[in-house]
Amino acid sequence: MNRRSFLSAGAAMTLSPVVFHDELKRLAAAAMTVRIVQFAANGRSLGVKAVEKIRKTEDEWRKQLSPEQYGVTRLKGTERAFTELEVGGSWGKLESALKS
């Protein structure tokens, strides 16, 4: 290793904590915001917007959401499949529409 390589490596090691710290700060700030697509009441897209990420404890989510909402949104559950079709409401309408 020559003197220039040795000095360059030393300078890089000295600066790396500063660069690393700045990168950590940037990543932490990015983790506090999320990008969403905002829509008007008529369904027209208003574009992408950065908003502050909502942080709540699981107890706070349970208090705010119904048990079904909590299961779907926080526990990655799903709604019951074919709920309307089981009772015949939409299924009968679909069959008659296909026959005509």
Foldseek 3Di string as FASTA:
>chain_A
DDPVVVVVVVVCVVCVVVVVVVVVVVVVVVVQWDKDFDADPVGHTPGIDIDGDDDDDLVVVPVVDDPVVCCCPVVVDDDDPCPVVVVPPVVVVVVVVVVD
